[in-house]
Amino acid sequence: AFAIPCTYFAVRGYIQRPLAGRIGLLFTLGGCQGLVGWWMVKSGLEQPKNEYAVPRVSPYRLATHLTSAFVIYSGMLWTTLSVLNPVSAAMEPQAAPE
């Protein structure tokens, strides 16, 4: 749902190259999040040992899914804050003259 508007703005030139790299990384991480979610749910779809067993997902896979969600959220927050408050050229560190 977000790829179509993102492509439109990229084609129109509204997204500069550094921002495009971050957005591409976030889209890739979002796809990986879907794969991790599928992997997590798959662990709960195994046949129970008896008819009264409750289906459960692996806690390690659940933790992996949650951690990747936090990484994606942090990346989105970092990208948003850098767009809203860009660093001026005077504030960027410069290499020492040799």
PDB file of N, CA and C in Angstrom:
ATOM      1  N   ALA A   1       0.821  -1.186   0.000  1.00  0.00           N
ATOM      2  CA  ALA A   1       0.000   0.000   0.000  1.00  0.00           C
ATOM      3  C   ALA A   1       0.869   1.254   0.000  1.00  0.00           C
ATOM      4  N   PHE A   2       2.066   1.178   0.558  1.00  0.00           N
ATOM      5  CA  PHE A   2       2.927   2.360   0.605  1.00  0.00           C
ATOM      6  C   PHE A   2       3.891   2.423  -0.570  1.00  0.00           C
ATOM      7  N   ALA A   3       4.083   1.331  -1.272  1.00  0.00           N
ATOM      8  CA  ALA A   3       5.064   1.293  -2.352  1.00  0.00           C
ATOM      9  C   ALA A   3       4.629   2.141  -3.549  1.00  0.00           C
ATOM     10  N   ILE A   4       3.345   2.181  -3.847  1.00  0.00           N
ATOM     11  CA  ILE A   4       2.868   2.933  -5.013  1.00  0.00           C
ATOM     12  C   ILE A   4       3.073   4.441  -4.809  1.00  0.00           C
ATOM     13  N   PRO A   5       2.623   5.025  -3.688  1.00  0.00           N
ATOM     14  CA  PRO A   5       2.904   6.457  -3.502  1.00  0.00           C
ATOM     15  C   PRO A   5       4.399   6.764  -3.405  1.00  0.00           C
ATOM     16  N   CYS A   6       5.151   5.877  -2.796  1.00  0.00           N
ATOM     17  CA  CYS A   6       6.593   6.086  -2.680  1.00  0.00           C
ATOM     18  C   CYS A   6       7.239   6.110  -4.066  1.00  0.00           C
ATOM     19  N   THR A   7       6.835   5.198  -4.927  1.00  0.00           N
ATOM     20  CA  THR A   7       7.349   5.165  -6.293  1.00  0.00           C
ATOM     21  C   THR A   7       6.968   6.438  -7.044  1.00  0.00           C
ATOM     22  N   TYR A   8       5.747   6.897  -6.874  1.00  0.00           N
ATOM     23  CA  TYR A   8       5.289   8.129  -7.522  1.00  0.00           C
ATOM     24  C   TYR A   8       6.174   9.309  -7.114  1.00  0.00           C
ATOM     25  N   PHE A   9       6.416   9.477  -5.809  1.00  0.00           N
ATOM     26  CA  PHE A   9       7.223  10.600  -5.349  1.00  0.00           C
ATOM     27  C   PHE A   9       8.682  10.452  -5.773  1.00  0.00           C
ATOM     28  N   ALA A  10       9.177   9.232  -5.838  1.00  0.00           N
ATOM     29  CA  ALA A  10      10.554   9.012  -6.281  1.00  0.00           C
ATOM     30  C   ALA A  10      10.715   9.362  -7.756  1.00  0.00           C
ATOM     31  N   VAL A  11       9.740   8.983  -8.576  1.00  0.00           N
ATOM     32  CA  VAL A  11       9.792   9.291 -10.011  1.00  0.00           C
ATOM     33  C   VAL A  11       9.702  10.802 -10.232  1.00  0.00           C
ATOM     34  N   ARG A  12       8.908  11.480  -9.450  1.00  0.00           N
ATOM     35  CA  ARG A  12       8.744  12.932  -9.567  1.00  0.00           C
ATOM     36  C   ARG A  12       9.951  13.707  -9.033  1.00  0.00           C
ATOM     37  N   GLY A  13      10.855  13.049  -8.322  1.00  0.00           N
ATOM     38  CA  GLY A  13      12.060  13.703  -7.828  1.00  0.00           C
ATOM     39  C   GLY A  13      11.925  14.333  -6.453  1.00  0.00           C
ATOM     40  N   TYR A  14      10.886  13.993  -5.716  1.00  0.00           N
ATOM     41  CA  TYR A  14      10.689  14.554  -4.381  1.00  0.00           C
ATOM     42  C   TYR A  14      11.515  13.847  -3.309  1.00  0.00           C
ATOM     43  N   ILE A  15      12.076  12.714  -3.632  1.00  0.00           N
ATOM     44  CA  ILE A  15      12.851  11.935  -2.660  1.00  0.00           C
ATOM     45  C   ILE A  15      14.312  11.937  -3.108  1.00  0.00           C
ATOM     46  N   GLN A  16      15.198  12.507  -2.261  1.00  0.00           N
ATOM     47  CA  GLN A  16      16.619  12.524  -2.590  1.00  0.00           C
ATOM     48  C   GLN A  16      17.238  11.144  -2.341  1.00  0.00           C
ATOM     49  N   ARG A  17      18.409  10.935  -2.890  1.00  0.00           N
ATOM     50  CA  ARG A  17      19.065   9.627  -2.836  1.00  0.00           C
ATOM     51  C   ARG A  17      19.295   9.102  -1.417  1.00  0.00           C
ATOM     52  N   PRO A  18      19.801   9.894  -0.453  1.00  0.00           N
ATOM     53  CA  PRO A  18      19.985   9.325   0.898  1.00  0.00           C
ATOM     54  C   PRO A  18      18.668   8.878   1.529  1.00  0.00           C
ATOM     55  N   LEU A  19      17.619   9.663   1.324  1.00  0.00           N
ATOM     56  CA  LEU A  19      16.320   9.288   1.868  1.00  0.00           C
ATOM     57  C   LEU A  19      15.772   8.056   1.152  1.00  0.00           C
ATOM     58  N   ALA A  20      16.008   7.958  -0.143  1.00  0.00           N
ATOM     59  CA  ALA A  20      15.550   6.790  -0.901  1.00  0.00           C
ATOM     60  C   ALA A  20      16.212   5.514  -0.395  1.00  0.00           C
ATOM     61  N   GLY A  21      17.484   5.610  -0.008  1.00  0.00           N
ATOM     62  CA  GLY A  21      18.171   4.444   0.554  1.00  0.00           C
ATOM     63  C   GLY A  21      17.558   3.992   1.865  1.00  0.00           C
ATOM     64  N   ARG A  22      17.241   4.948   2.715  1.00  0.00           N
ATOM     65  CA  ARG A  22      16.605   4.604   3.993  1.00  0.00           C
ATOM     66  C   ARG A  22      15.218   4.001   3.780  1.00  0.00           C
ATOM     67  N   ILE A  23      14.449   4.612   2.878  1.00  0.00           N
ATOM     68  CA  ILE A  23      13.107   4.102   2.618  1.00  0.00           C
ATOM     69  C   ILE A  23      13.173   2.700   2.024  1.00  0.00           C
ATOM     70  N   GLY A  24      14.117   2.480   1.113  1.00  0.00           N
ATOM     71  CA  GLY A  24      14.294   1.137   0.550  1.00  0.00           C
ATOM     72  C   GLY A  24      14.653   0.119   1.612  1.00  0.00           C
ATOM     73  N   LEU A  25      15.521   0.518   2.532  1.00  0.00           N
ATOM     74  CA  LEU A  25      15.890  -0.373   3.639  1.00  0.00           C
ATOM     75  C   LEU A  25      14.678  -0.682   4.512  1.00  0.00           C
ATOM     76  N   LEU A  26      13.856   0.337   4.789  1.00  0.00           N
ATOM     77  CA  LEU A  26      12.667   0.113   5.614  1.00  0.00           C
ATOM     78  C   LEU A  26      11.662  -0.807   4.908  1.00  0.00           C
ATOM     79  N   PHE A  27      11.506  -0.658   3.591  1.00  0.00           N
ATOM     80  CA  PHE A  27      10.628  -1.572   2.852  1.00  0.00           C
ATOM     81  C   PHE A  27      11.163  -3.008   2.906  1.00  0.00           C
ATOM     82  N   THR A  28      12.478  -3.159   2.776  1.00  0.00           N
ATOM     83  CA  THR A  28      13.078  -4.487   2.853  1.00  0.00           C
ATOM     84  C   THR A  28      12.883  -5.100   4.240  1.00  0.00           C
ATOM     85  N   LEU A  29      13.102  -4.299   5.275  1.00  0.00           N
ATOM     86  CA  LEU A  29      12.885  -4.793   6.636  1.00  0.00           C
ATOM     87  C   LEU A  29      11.419  -5.151   6.868  1.00  0.00           C
ATOM     88  N   GLY A  30      10.505  -4.399   6.278  1.00  0.00           N
ATOM     89  CA  GLY A  30       9.082  -4.723   6.389  1.00  0.00           C
ATOM     90  C   GLY A  30       8.765  -6.066   5.746  1.00  0.00           C
ATOM     91  N   GLY A  31       9.372  -6.348   4.604  1.00  0.00           N
ATOM     92  CA  GLY A  31       9.184  -7.653   3.973  1.00  0.00           C
ATOM     93  C   GLY A  31       9.758  -8.778   4.816  1.00  0.00           C
ATOM     94  N   CYS A  32      10.921  -8.523   5.395  1.00  0.00           N
ATOM     95  CA  CYS A  32      11.521  -9.524   6.287  1.00  0.00           C
ATOM     96  C   CYS A  32      10.659  -9.734   7.527  1.00  0.00           C
ATOM     97  N   GLN A  33      10.016  -8.673   7.992  1.00  0.00           N
ATOM     98  CA  GLN A  33       9.109  -8.784   9.146  1.00  0.00           C
ATOM     99  C   GLN A  33       7.961  -9.729   8.814  1.00  0.00           C
ATOM    100  N   GLY A  34       7.457  -9.647   7.606  1.00  0.00           N
ATOM    101  CA  GLY A  34       6.400 -10.569   7.188  1.00  0.00           C
ATOM    102  C   GLY A  34       6.880 -12.011   7.175  1.00  0.00           C
ATOM    103  N   LEU A  35       8.110 -12.229   6.704  1.00  0.00           N
ATOM    104  CA  LEU A  35       8.659 -13.590   6.698  1.00  0.00           C
ATOM    105  C   LEU A  35       8.875 -14.107   8.118  1.00  0.00           C
ATOM    106  N   VAL A  36       9.356 -13.248   8.999  1.00  0.00           N
ATOM    107  CA  VAL A  36       9.551 -13.657  10.394  1.00  0.00           C
ATOM    108  C   VAL A  36       8.206 -13.968  11.040  1.00  0.00           C
ATOM    109  N   GLY A  37       7.184 -13.178  10.714  1.00  0.00           N
ATOM    110  CA  GLY A  37       5.842 -13.441  11.246  1.00  0.00           C
ATOM    111  C   GLY A  37       5.304 -14.778  10.775  1.00  0.00           C
ATOM    112  N   TRP A  38       5.520 -15.089   9.492  1.00  0.00           N
ATOM    113  CA  TRP A  38       5.078 -16.388   8.973  1.00  0.00           C
ATOM    114  C   TRP A  38       5.828 -17.520   9.670  1.00  0.00           C
ATOM    115  N   TRP A  39       7.131 -17.340   9.856  1.00  0.00           N
ATOM    116  CA  TRP A  39       7.963 -18.341  10.523  1.00  0.00           C
ATOM    117  C   TRP A  39       7.488 -18.542  11.960  1.00  0.00           C
ATOM    118  N   MET A  40       7.108 -17.446  12.625  1.00  0.00           N
ATOM    119  CA  MET A  40       6.628 -17.527  14.000  1.00  0.00           C
ATOM    120  C   MET A  40       5.303 -18.287  14.069  1.00  0.00           C
ATOM    121  N   VAL A  41       4.359 -17.927  13.216  1.00  0.00           N
ATOM    122  CA  VAL A  41       3.043 -18.571  13.239  1.00  0.00           C
ATOM    123  C   VAL A  41       3.155 -20.040  12.861  1.00  0.00           C
ATOM    124  N   LYS A  42       4.052 -20.348  11.940  1.00  0.00           N
ATOM    125  CA  LYS A  42       4.240 -21.742  11.516  1.00  0.00           C
ATOM    126  C   LYS A  42       4.633 -22.634  12.689  1.00  0.00           C
ATOM    127  N   SER A  43       5.360 -22.073  13.651  1.00  0.00           N
ATOM    128  CA  SER A  43       5.760 -22.875  14.808  1.00  0.00           C
ATOM    129  C   SER A  43       4.560 -23.263  15.671  1.00  0.00           C
ATOM    130  N   GLY A  44       3.476 -22.491  15.602  1.00  0.00           N
ATOM    131  CA  GLY A  44       2.287 -22.808  16.385  1.00  0.00           C
ATOM    132  C   GLY A  44       1.299 -23.702  15.660  1.00  0.00           C
ATOM    133  N   LEU A  45       1.577 -24.014  14.410  1.00  0.00           N
ATOM    134  CA  LEU A  45       0.655 -24.835  13.626  1.00  0.00           C
ATOM    135  C   LEU A  45       1.018 -26.314  13.636  1.00  0.00           C
ATOM    136  N   GLU A  46       1.987 -26.695  14.422  1.00  0.00           N
ATOM    137  CA  GLU A  46       2.374 -28.105  14.513  1.00  0.00           C
ATOM    138  C   GLU A  46       1.269 -28.891  15.225  1.00  0.00           C
ATOM    139  N   GLN A  47       1.184 -30.154  14.943  1.00  0.00           N
ATOM    140  CA  GLN A  47       0.159 -31.010  15.553  1.00  0.00           C
ATOM    141  C   GLN A  47       0.380 -31.104  17.061  1.00  0.00           C
ATOM    142  N   PRO A  48      -0.674 -30.887  17.853  1.00  0.00           N
ATOM    143  CA  PRO A  48      -0.522 -31.003  19.314  1.00  0.00           C
ATOM    144  C   PRO A  48      -0.302 -32.459  19.723  1.00  0.00           C
ATOM    145  N   LYS A  49       0.340 -32.636  20.873  1.00  0.00           N
ATOM    146  CA  LYS A  49       0.627 -33.990  21.367  1.00  0.00           C
ATOM    147  C   LYS A  49      -0.639 -34.714  21.803  1.00  0.00           C
ATOM    148  N   ASN A  50      -1.642 -33.975  22.287  1.00  0.00           N
ATOM    149  CA  ASN A  50      -2.928 -34.589  22.618  1.00  0.00           C
ATOM    150  C   ASN A  50      -4.038 -33.609  22.217  1.00  0.00           C
ATOM    151  N   GLU A  51      -5.254 -34.033  22.328  1.00  0.00           N
ATOM    152  CA  GLU A  51      -6.368 -33.209  21.850  1.00  0.00           C
ATOM    153  C   GLU A  51      -6.669 -32.013  22.738  1.00  0.00           C
ATOM    154  N   TYR A  52      -6.121 -31.967  23.946  1.00  0.00           N
ATOM    155  CA  TYR A  52      -6.385 -30.867  24.865  1.00  0.00           C
ATOM    156  C   TYR A  52      -5.268 -29.824  24.869  1.00  0.00           C
ATOM    157  N   ALA A  53      -4.238 -30.041  24.093  1.00  0.00           N
ATOM    158  CA  ALA A  53      -3.108 -29.108  24.067  1.00  0.00           C
ATOM    159  C   ALA A  53      -3.515 -27.816  23.353  1.00  0.00           C
ATOM    160  N   VAL A  54      -3.042 -26.716  23.881  1.00  0.00           N
ATOM    161  CA  VAL A  54      -3.316 -25.402  23.298  1.00  0.00           C
ATOM    162  C   VAL A  54      -2.203 -25.084  22.299  1.00  0.00           C
ATOM    163  N   PRO A  55      -2.535 -24.653  21.089  1.00  0.00           N
ATOM    164  CA  PRO A  55      -1.479 -24.296  20.135  1.00  0.00           C
ATOM    165  C   PRO A  55      -0.688 -23.081  20.629  1.00  0.00           C
ATOM    166  N   ARG A  56       0.612 -23.180  20.564  1.00  0.00           N
ATOM    167  CA  ARG A  56       1.472 -22.096  21.041  1.00  0.00           C
ATOM    168  C   ARG A  56       2.588 -21.852  20.033  1.00  0.00           C
ATOM    169  N   VAL A  57       3.000 -20.600  19.943  1.00  0.00           N
ATOM    170  CA  VAL A  57       4.139 -20.274  19.093  1.00  0.00           C
ATOM    171  C   VAL A  57       5.406 -20.311  19.950  1.00  0.00           C
ATOM    172  N   SER A  58       6.525 -20.458  19.272  1.00  0.00           N
ATOM    173  CA  SER A  58       7.813 -20.486  19.967  1.00  0.00           C
ATOM    174  C   SER A  58       8.098 -19.111  20.576  1.00  0.00           C
ATOM    175  N   PRO A  59       8.466 -19.062  21.853  1.00  0.00           N
ATOM    176  CA  PRO A  59       8.761 -17.757  22.456  1.00  0.00           C
ATOM    177  C   PRO A  59       9.987 -17.088  21.833  1.00  0.00           C
ATOM    178  N   TYR A  60      10.936 -17.874  21.323  1.00  0.00           N
ATOM    179  CA  TYR A  60      12.112 -17.303  20.668  1.00  0.00           C
ATOM    180  C   TYR A  60      11.715 -16.634  19.357  1.00  0.00           C
ATOM    181  N   ARG A  61      10.818 -17.270  18.619  1.00  0.00           N
ATOM    182  CA  ARG A  61      10.353 -16.690  17.365  1.00  0.00           C
ATOM    183  C   ARG A  61       9.494 -15.454  17.627  1.00  0.00           C
ATOM    184  N   LEU A  62       8.716 -15.489  18.691  1.00  0.00           N
ATOM    185  CA  LEU A  62       7.920 -14.327  19.073  1.00  0.00           C
ATOM    186  C   LEU A  62       8.827 -13.154  19.440  1.00  0.00           C
ATOM    187  N   ALA A  63       9.887 -13.427  20.180  1.00  0.00           N
ATOM    188  CA  ALA A  63      10.841 -12.386  20.561  1.00  0.00           C
ATOM    189  C   ALA A  63      11.566 -11.832  19.333  1.00  0.00           C
ATOM    190  N   THR A  64      11.888 -12.696  18.372  1.00  0.00           N
ATOM    191  CA  THR A  64      12.525 -12.248  17.137  1.00  0.00           C
ATOM    192  C   THR A  64      11.594 -11.323  16.367  1.00  0.00           C
ATOM    193  N   HIS A  65      10.324 -11.687  16.298  1.00  0.00           N
ATOM    194  CA  HIS A  65       9.328 -10.881  15.599  1.00  0.00           C
ATOM    195  C   HIS A  65       9.176  -9.513  16.281  1.00  0.00           C
ATOM    196  N   LEU A  66       9.121  -9.486  17.587  1.00  0.00           N
ATOM    197  CA  LEU A  66       8.985  -8.243  18.335  1.00  0.00           C
ATOM    198  C   LEU A  66      10.226  -7.368  18.181  1.00  0.00           C
ATOM    199  N   THR A  67      11.396  -7.976  18.245  1.00  0.00           N
ATOM    200  CA  THR A  67      12.637  -7.221  18.098  1.00  0.00           C
ATOM    201  C   THR A  67      12.736  -6.596  16.722  1.00  0.00           C
ATOM    202  N   SER A  68      12.374  -7.348  15.691  1.00  0.00           N
ATOM    203  CA  SER A  68      12.425  -6.771  14.345  1.00  0.00           C
ATOM    204  C   SER A  68      11.405  -5.645  14.196  1.00  0.00           C
ATOM    205  N   ALA A  69      10.270  -5.743  14.875  1.00  0.00           N
ATOM    206  CA  ALA A  69       9.294  -4.652  14.843  1.00  0.00           C
ATOM    207  C   ALA A  69       9.869  -3.404  15.504  1.00  0.00           C
ATOM    208  N   PHE A  70      10.577  -3.564  16.613  1.00  0.00           N
ATOM    209  CA  PHE A  70      11.207  -2.414  17.273  1.00  0.00           C
ATOM    210  C   PHE A  70      12.281  -1.786  16.388  1.00  0.00           C
ATOM    211  N   VAL A  71      13.033  -2.614  15.674  1.00  0.00           N
ATOM    212  CA  VAL A  71      14.071  -2.097  14.770  1.00  0.00           C
ATOM    213  C   VAL A  71      13.429  -1.280  13.651  1.00  0.00           C
ATOM    214  N   ILE A  72      12.355  -1.789  13.080  1.00  0.00           N
ATOM    215  CA  ILE A  72      11.672  -1.067  12.007  1.00  0.00           C
ATOM    216  C   ILE A  72      11.086   0.240  12.545  1.00  0.00           C
ATOM    217  N   TYR A  73      10.455   0.193  13.700  1.00  0.00           N
ATOM    218  CA  TYR A  73       9.879   1.402  14.279  1.00  0.00           C
ATOM    219  C   TYR A  73      10.968   2.439  14.560  1.00  0.00           C
ATOM    220  N   SER A  74      12.086   2.010  15.096  1.00  0.00           N
ATOM    221  CA  SER A  74      13.189   2.936  15.377  1.00  0.00           C
ATOM    222  C   SER A  74      13.724   3.550  14.091  1.00  0.00           C
ATOM    223  N   GLY A  75      13.837   2.748  13.046  1.00  0.00           N
ATOM    224  CA  GLY A  75      14.290   3.264  11.755  1.00  0.00           C
ATOM    225  C   GLY A  75      13.316   4.269  11.167  1.00  0.00           C
ATOM    226  N   MET A  76      12.032   4.012  11.310  1.00  0.00           N
ATOM    227  CA  MET A  76      11.027   4.956  10.825  1.00  0.00           C
ATOM    228  C   MET A  76      11.075   6.262  11.614  1.00  0.00           C
ATOM    229  N   LEU A  77      11.230   6.165  12.930  1.00  0.00           N
ATOM    230  CA  LEU A  77      11.307   7.360  13.765  1.00  0.00           C
ATOM    231  C   LEU A  77      12.558   8.170  13.430  1.00  0.00           C
ATOM    232  N   TRP A  78      13.686   7.499  13.274  1.00  0.00           N
ATOM    233  CA  TRP A  78      14.946   8.159  12.922  1.00  0.00           C
ATOM    234  C   TRP A  78      14.819   8.861  11.575  1.00  0.00           C
ATOM    235  N   THR A  79      14.227   8.194  10.587  1.00  0.00           N
ATOM    236  CA  THR A  79      14.053   8.788   9.264  1.00  0.00           C
ATOM    237  C   THR A  79      13.115   9.988   9.326  1.00  0.00           C
ATOM    238  N   THR A  80      12.025   9.860  10.046  1.00  0.00           N
ATOM    239  CA  THR A  80      11.069  10.962  10.161  1.00  0.00           C
ATOM    240  C   THR A  80      11.702  12.173  10.830  1.00  0.00           C
ATOM    241  N   LEU A  81      12.422  11.951  11.914  1.00  0.00           N
ATOM    242  CA  LEU A  81      13.054  13.070  12.609  1.00  0.00           C
ATOM    243  C   LEU A  81      14.144  13.725  11.766  1.00  0.00           C
ATOM    244  N   SER A  82      14.860  12.935  10.967  1.00  0.00           N
ATOM    245  CA  SER A  82      15.898  13.522  10.121  1.00  0.00           C
ATOM    246  C   SER A  82      15.293  14.313   8.961  1.00  0.00           C
ATOM    247  N   VAL A  83      14.085  13.958   8.522  1.00  0.00           N
ATOM    248  CA  VAL A  83      13.408  14.735   7.480  1.00  0.00           C
ATOM    249  C   VAL A  83      12.840  16.018   8.069  1.00  0.00           C
ATOM    250  N   LEU A  84      12.257  15.937   9.260  1.00  0.00           N
ATOM    251  CA  LEU A  84      11.656  17.110   9.883  1.00  0.00           C
ATOM    252  C   LEU A  84      12.687  18.111  10.392  1.00  0.00           C
ATOM    253  N   ASN A  85      13.837  17.629  10.818  1.00  0.00           N
ATOM    254  CA  ASN A  85      14.872  18.491  11.380  1.00  0.00           C
ATOM    255  C   ASN A  85      16.227  18.107  10.783  1.00  0.00           C
ATOM    256  N   PRO A  86      16.494  18.491   9.539  1.00  0.00           N
ATOM    257  CA  PRO A  86      17.759  18.086   8.907  1.00  0.00           C
ATOM    258  C   PRO A  86      18.958  18.793   9.548  1.00  0.00           C
ATOM    259  N   VAL A  87      20.100  18.143   9.464  1.00  0.00           N
ATOM    260  CA  VAL A  87      21.343  18.694   9.997  1.00  0.00           C
ATOM    261  C   VAL A  87      21.880  19.698   8.982  1.00  0.00           C
ATOM    262  N   SER A  88      22.204  20.895   9.438  1.00  0.00           N
ATOM    263  CA  SER A  88      22.745  21.893   8.519  1.00  0.00           C
ATOM    264  C   SER A  88      24.196  21.553   8.194  1.00  0.00           C
ATOM    265  N   ALA A  89      24.701  22.126   7.113  1.00  0.00           N
ATOM    266  CA  ALA A  89      26.071  21.853   6.688  1.00  0.00           C
ATOM    267  C   ALA A  89      27.077  22.343   7.721  1.00  0.00           C
ATOM    268  N   ALA A  90      26.729  23.411   8.468  1.00  0.00           N
ATOM    269  CA  ALA A  90      27.638  23.938   9.483  1.00  0.00           C
ATOM    270  C   ALA A  90      27.764  22.996  10.673  1.00  0.00           C
ATOM    271  N   MET A  91      26.755  22.161  10.913  1.00  0.00           N
ATOM    272  CA  MET A  91      26.766  21.264  12.063  1.00  0.00           C
ATOM    273  C   MET A  91      27.425  19.920  11.766  1.00  0.00           C
ATOM    274  N   GLU A  92      27.617  19.586  10.493  1.00  0.00           N
ATOM    275  CA  GLU A  92      28.205  18.292  10.141  1.00  0.00           C
ATOM    276  C   GLU A  92      29.683  18.271  10.484  1.00  0.00           C
ATOM    277  N   PRO A  93      30.182  17.152  10.988  1.00  0.00           N
ATOM    278  CA  PRO A  93      31.609  17.069  11.299  1.00  0.00           C
ATOM    279  C   PRO A  93      32.432  17.086  10.012  1.00  0.00           C
ATOM    280  N   GLN A  94      33.550  17.756  10.076  1.00  0.00           N
ATOM    281  CA  GLN A  94      34.427  17.843   8.909  1.00  0.00           C
ATOM    282  C   GLN A  94      35.756  17.186   9.244  1.00  0.00           C
ATOM    283  N   ALA A  95      36.405  16.676   8.218  1.00  0.00           N
ATOM    284  CA  ALA A  95      37.706  16.039   8.391  1.00  0.00           C
ATOM    285  C   ALA A  95      38.764  17.084   8.743  1.00  0.00           C
ATOM    286  N   ALA A  96      39.686  16.703   9.589  1.00  0.00           N
ATOM    287  CA  ALA A  96      40.759  17.617   9.981  1.00  0.00           C
ATOM    288  C   ALA A  96      41.727  17.800   8.828  1.00  0.00           C
ATOM    289  N   PRO A  97      42.199  19.032   8.590  1.00  0.00           N
ATOM    290  CA  PRO A  97      43.166  19.256   7.509  1.00  0.00           C
ATOM    291  C   PRO A  97      44.498  18.587   7.834  1.00  0.00           C
ATOM    292  N   GLU A  98      45.126  18.075   6.804  1.00  0.00           N
ATOM    293  CA  GLU A  98      46.404  17.373   7.008  1.00  0.00           C
ATOM    294  C   GLU A  98      47.576  18.264   6.707  1.00  0.00           C
TER     295      GLU A  98
END
